[in-house]
Protein backbone atom coordinates (compact mmCIF):
# COMPACT_ATOMS: atom_id res chain seq x y z
CA MET A 1 0.15 0.04 0.06
CA SER A 2 1.29 3.34 -0.92
CA ILE A 3 0.64 6.46 0.94
CA THR A 4 -1.11 9.04 -1.13
CA PRO A 5 -0.70 12.75 -0.61
CA LYS A 6 -4.45 12.74 0.35
CA ASN A 7 -3.81 10.57 3.33
CA LYS A 8 -0.74 12.63 4.59
CA SER A 9 -2.99 15.77 4.67
CA SER A 10 -5.77 14.33 6.55
CA LYS A 11 -3.36 13.16 9.27
CA THR A 12 -1.72 16.67 9.79
CA VAL A 13 -2.67 18.59 12.84
CA SER A 14 -2.98 22.45 12.78
CA GLU A 15 -1.09 24.43 15.54
CA ARG A 16 -4.55 25.23 17.15
CA GLU A 17 -5.60 21.74 17.33
CA ARG A 18 -2.04 20.98 18.77
CA PHE A 19 -2.48 23.71 21.43
CA ILE A 20 -5.95 22.62 22.40
CA GLY A 21 -4.63 18.96 22.76
CA PHE A 22 -1.99 20.26 25.07
CA VAL A 23 -4.19 22.25 27.22
CA TYR A 24 -6.66 19.43 27.39
CA VAL A 25 -3.88 16.93 28.61
CA LEU A 26 -2.46 19.63 30.88
CA THR A 27 -5.71 20.24 32.47
CA LEU A 28 -6.27 16.49 32.84
CA PHE A 29 -2.70 16.00 34.48
CA ILE A 30 -3.41 18.97 36.97
CA VAL A 31 -6.78 17.60 38.09
CA ILE A 32 -5.57 13.96 38.32
CA THR A 33 -2.50 15.29 40.43
CA GLY A 34 -4.50 17.46 42.36
CA ALA A 35 -7.11 14.67 43.19
CA CYS A 36 -4.31 12.22 44.05
CA GLY A 37 -2.67 14.95 46.26
CA PHE A 38 -5.83 15.69 48.04
CA ILE A 39 -6.54 12.05 48.64
CA LEU A 40 -3.02 11.26 49.81
CA PHE A 41 -2.88 14.40 52.10
CA LYS A 42 -6.40 14.12 53.59
CA TYR A 43 -6.13 10.65 54.71
CA ALA A 44 -2.44 10.40 55.55
CA GLY A 45 -1.72 13.93 56.24
CA THR A 46 -0.85 15.85 59.42
CA ARG A 47 -4.34 16.04 60.72
CA HIS A 48 -3.62 12.69 62.60
CA ILE A 49 -0.35 14.18 63.90
CA PHE A 50 -2.16 17.06 65.41
CA SER A 51 -4.85 15.15 66.98
CA ASN A 52 -2.20 13.01 68.43
CA LYS A 53 -0.42 16.04 69.79
CA ILE A 54 -3.63 17.43 71.27
CA MET A 55 -4.28 13.84 72.95
CA VAL A 56 -0.73 13.85 74.30
CA ILE A 57 -1.25 17.49 75.70
CA LYS A 58 -4.51 16.49 77.16
CA LYS A 59 -2.86 13.41 78.80
CA MET A 60 -0.08 15.61 80.30
CA GLU A 61 -2.65 18.02 81.74
CA ARG A 62 -4.36 15.26 83.45
CA GLN A 63 -1.02 14.10 84.74
CA LYS A 64 -0.21 17.45 86.03
CA GLU A 65 -3.77 17.77 87.67
CA PHE A 66 -3.21 14.39 89.42
CA GLN A 67 0.17 15.54 90.70
CA ASN A 68 -1.61 18.76 92.13
CA ILE A 69 -4.26 16.54 93.76
CA GLN A 70 -1.87 14.10 94.91
CA SER A 71 0.33 16.87 96.55
CA VAL A 72 -2.76 18.19 98.52
CA GLN A 73 -4.06 14.77 99.53
CA ILE A 74 -0.53 13.64 100.82
CA VAL A 75 -0.88 16.34 103.32
CA SER A 76 -4.05 14.95 104.56
CA ALA A 77 -2.89 11.43 104.51
CA ASP A 78 0.28 12.56 106.56
CA THR A 79 -2.06 14.25 109.08
CA LEU A 80 -4.20 11.24 109.30
CA PHE A 81 -1.29 9.04 109.73
CA SER A 82 -0.10 11.03 112.70
CA ARG A 83 -3.69 11.33 114.34
CA ILE A 84 -4.27 7.55 114.26
CA GLU A 85 -0.73 7.14 115.67
CA GLN A 86 -1.35 9.44 118.49
CA PHE A 87 -4.90 8.29 119.00
CA GLU A 88 -5.56 6.60 122.58
CA PRO A 89 -8.79 4.90 122.87
CA GLY A 90 -8.78 4.89 126.47
CA VAL A 91 -9.32 8.53 126.42
CA ASN A 92 -12.96 9.49 126.12
CA ALA A 93 -12.56 11.87 123.15
CA SER A 94 -15.36 11.18 120.70
CA TYR A 95 -14.47 14.23 118.78
CA GLU A 96 -11.04 13.12 118.01
CA GLU A 97 -12.53 9.76 116.79
CA ASN A 98 -15.13 11.42 114.62
CA ASP A 99 -12.32 13.67 113.25
CA ILE A 100 -10.32 10.55 112.32
CA LYS A 101 -13.47 8.87 110.43
CA PHE A 102 -14.21 12.32 108.70
CA LEU A 103 -10.51 12.41 107.58
CA ILE A 104 -10.61 8.83 106.25
CA ASN A 105 -13.92 9.45 104.42
CA ASP A 106 -12.52 12.62 102.88
CA LEU A 107 -9.52 10.67 101.61
CA ALA A 108 -11.77 8.00 100.21
CA LYS A 109 -14.05 10.43 98.59
CA GLN A 110 -11.11 11.62 96.32
CA TRP A 111 -11.69 8.31 94.33
CA GLU A 112 -15.44 8.85 94.18
CA LYS A 113 -14.93 12.42 92.56
CA ASN A 114 -12.37 11.18 89.86
CA SER A 115 -13.55 7.60 89.67
CA PHE A 116 -12.83 7.86 85.72
CA ASP A 117 -8.92 8.09 86.48
CA LYS A 118 -7.80 4.72 87.89
CA ARG A 119 -4.77 6.51 89.54
CA ASN A 120 -7.24 8.04 92.07
CA LYS A 121 -8.11 4.59 93.46
CA MET A 122 -4.87 4.64 95.52
CA PHE A 123 -6.55 7.27 97.78
CA TRP A 124 -9.55 4.83 98.25
CA HIS A 125 -7.10 1.93 99.06
CA LEU A 126 -5.04 4.31 101.42
CA ALA A 127 -8.32 5.43 103.27
CA SER A 128 -9.33 1.50 103.78
CA VAL A 129 -5.89 0.79 105.24
CA TYR A 130 -6.13 3.62 107.47
CA GLU A 131 -9.77 2.64 108.42
CA MET A 132 -8.41 -0.99 109.28
CA TRP A 133 -5.53 0.24 111.12
CA PHE A 134 -7.79 2.55 113.20
CA ALA A 135 -10.24 -0.40 113.90
CA ASP A 136 -7.49 -2.74 114.74
CA LYS A 137 -5.91 -0.04 117.16
CA LYS A 138 -9.38 0.39 119.01
CA GLU A 139 -9.85 -3.31 118.95
CA LEU A 140 -6.31 -3.96 120.31
CA TRP A 141 -6.78 -1.51 122.95
CA SER A 142 -10.15 -3.13 124.01
CA LYS A 143 -8.58 -6.46 124.29
CA GLN A 144 -5.45 -5.24 126.19
CA ASP A 145 -7.84 -3.53 128.57
CA ASN A 146 -9.88 -6.69 129.01
CA ILE A 147 -6.84 -8.74 129.81
CA ILE A 148 -5.93 -6.17 132.53
CA LYS A 149 -9.30 -6.35 133.97
CA PHE A 150 -9.33 -10.24 133.93
CA LYS A 151 -5.86 -10.09 135.52
CA LYS A 152 -7.24 -7.83 138.27
CA ASN A 153 -10.13 -10.00 138.81
CA LEU A 154 -8.03 -13.03 139.01
CA GLU A 155 -5.88 -11.47 141.73
CA GLU A 156 -8.82 -10.67 143.88
């Protein structure tokens, strides 16, 4: 098959058609590149980095708040420790016993206020330890007092 001049002229493209084709391909390239870039940066972009930073900042704020609560409550726990240690059940001072019970309940309420944070449960545990110690101290004094009374009764 030979190529005739008629076929050659039908395949030639004018400058205007080439320019329109170039603009069409360039526009298509820009649109596809923009869509791919948008999809890439939207789902794997910095949005997750910033949300993680915000989450870390909130966590740090909660830790700082817990440290503040802990520093306030440690003073209360130390006071409670010294009050239980100095408590003498033989002395009829019901106000002192009520104050100790109030301090124990105040320490335990810290857990109830912030039950969403498991770290605050240590205050509840500490309050229950102090409560057991206080009850044991009263019971021990009672038993020792009974032993002394029984010895006196045996001597008579």
